[in-house]
Protein backbone atom coordinates (compact mmCIF):
# COMPACT_ATOMS: atom_id res chain seq x y z
CA MET A 1 0.00 0.00 0.00
CA ASP A 2 1.18 3.52 -0.75
CA GLU A 3 2.18 5.98 1.92
CA GLY A 4 -0.74 7.66 3.65
CA LEU A 5 -1.32 11.22 2.53
CA THR A 6 -2.94 14.09 4.40
CA LEU A 7 -6.13 15.59 2.99
CA ARG A 8 -4.46 18.37 1.00
CA GLU A 9 -2.01 16.08 -0.85
CA PRO A 10 -4.60 13.82 -2.58
CA ALA A 11 -6.65 16.92 -3.43
CA ILE A 12 -3.67 18.41 -5.25
CA ARG A 13 -2.73 15.14 -6.97
CA LEU A 14 -6.27 14.45 -8.15
CA GLY A 15 -7.09 18.05 -9.00
CA ALA A 16 -10.04 18.06 -6.61
CA SER A 17 -11.08 20.11 -3.60
CA GLU A 18 -10.49 18.92 -0.06
CA VAL A 19 -14.27 18.71 0.35
CA ALA A 20 -14.45 16.34 -2.65
CA ILE A 21 -11.73 14.17 -1.12
CA ARG A 22 -13.63 14.05 2.19
CA LYS A 23 -16.78 12.96 0.33
CA ARG A 24 -14.87 10.25 -1.54
CA VAL A 25 -13.51 8.96 1.77
CA ALA A 26 -17.04 8.98 3.23
CA ARG A 27 -18.39 7.07 0.18
CA GLY A 28 -15.57 4.57 0.44
CA THR A 29 -14.11 5.32 -2.99
CA LEU A 30 -10.80 6.30 -1.39
CA LEU A 31 -9.10 4.22 1.27
CA SER A 32 -8.23 6.02 4.48
CA GLU A 33 -7.44 5.43 8.12
CA LEU A 34 -7.22 7.48 11.27
CA GLY A 35 -3.62 7.62 12.50
CA ALA A 36 -2.49 7.42 16.10
CA ASP A 37 -1.90 11.17 15.94
CA GLY A 38 -5.59 11.79 15.13
CA GLN A 39 -4.83 12.75 11.51
CA ARG A 40 -6.76 11.04 8.69
CA TYR A 41 -4.43 9.45 6.13
CA ILE A 42 -5.63 8.76 2.60
CA TYR A 43 -4.26 6.11 0.24
CA LEU A 44 -4.50 6.68 -3.50
CA ASN A 45 -3.48 3.17 -4.57
CA GLY A 46 -5.11 0.02 -3.30
CA GLY A 47 -1.89 -1.97 -3.27
CA GLY A 48 0.52 -2.66 -6.10
CA ASP A 49 0.96 -6.39 -6.82
CA GLU A 50 -2.45 -7.37 -5.49
CA GLY A 51 -4.21 -5.65 -8.40
CA ALA A 52 -6.98 -3.10 -8.33
CA ASP A 53 -9.72 -3.57 -5.78
CA ALA A 54 -13.35 -2.60 -6.24
CA SER A 55 -12.95 0.83 -4.66
CA SER A 56 -10.02 1.81 -6.87
CA THR A 57 -11.99 0.67 -9.93
CA ARG A 58 -15.00 2.77 -8.88
CA GLU A 59 -12.67 5.70 -8.21
CA SER A 60 -11.11 5.41 -11.67
CA GLU A 61 -14.54 5.33 -13.29
CA ALA A 62 -15.70 8.28 -11.20
CA LEU A 63 -12.60 10.29 -12.13
CA ARG A 64 -13.13 9.60 -15.84
CA SER A 65 -16.76 10.70 -15.55
CA GLU A 66 -15.82 13.85 -13.64
CA ARG A 67 -13.15 14.76 -16.17
CA ALA A 68 -15.50 14.16 -19.08
CA ALA A 69 -18.14 16.39 -17.45
CA LEU A 70 -15.58 19.14 -16.86
CA ILE A 71 -14.40 18.98 -20.46
CA GLU A 72 -18.00 19.24 -21.71
CA CYS A 73 -18.62 22.29 -19.48
CA GLN A 74 -15.48 24.02 -20.72
CA GLY A 75 -16.00 23.22 -24.39
């Protein structure tokens, strides 16, 4: 599994707002855990050699849909 990222880092990497990342965590489309320090850590990859899990597949589909909608709005 990838290194856990704080809320801002996945938002920047995915080009989304922190609110959108929180909603994805709540829906279960992004893996996360609460660290011992009380900080929520988010994982962008479901785990290398084990292949994509259902949540990462849903996330990929959701990202494609979001990008397509953004492109349509801009065009």
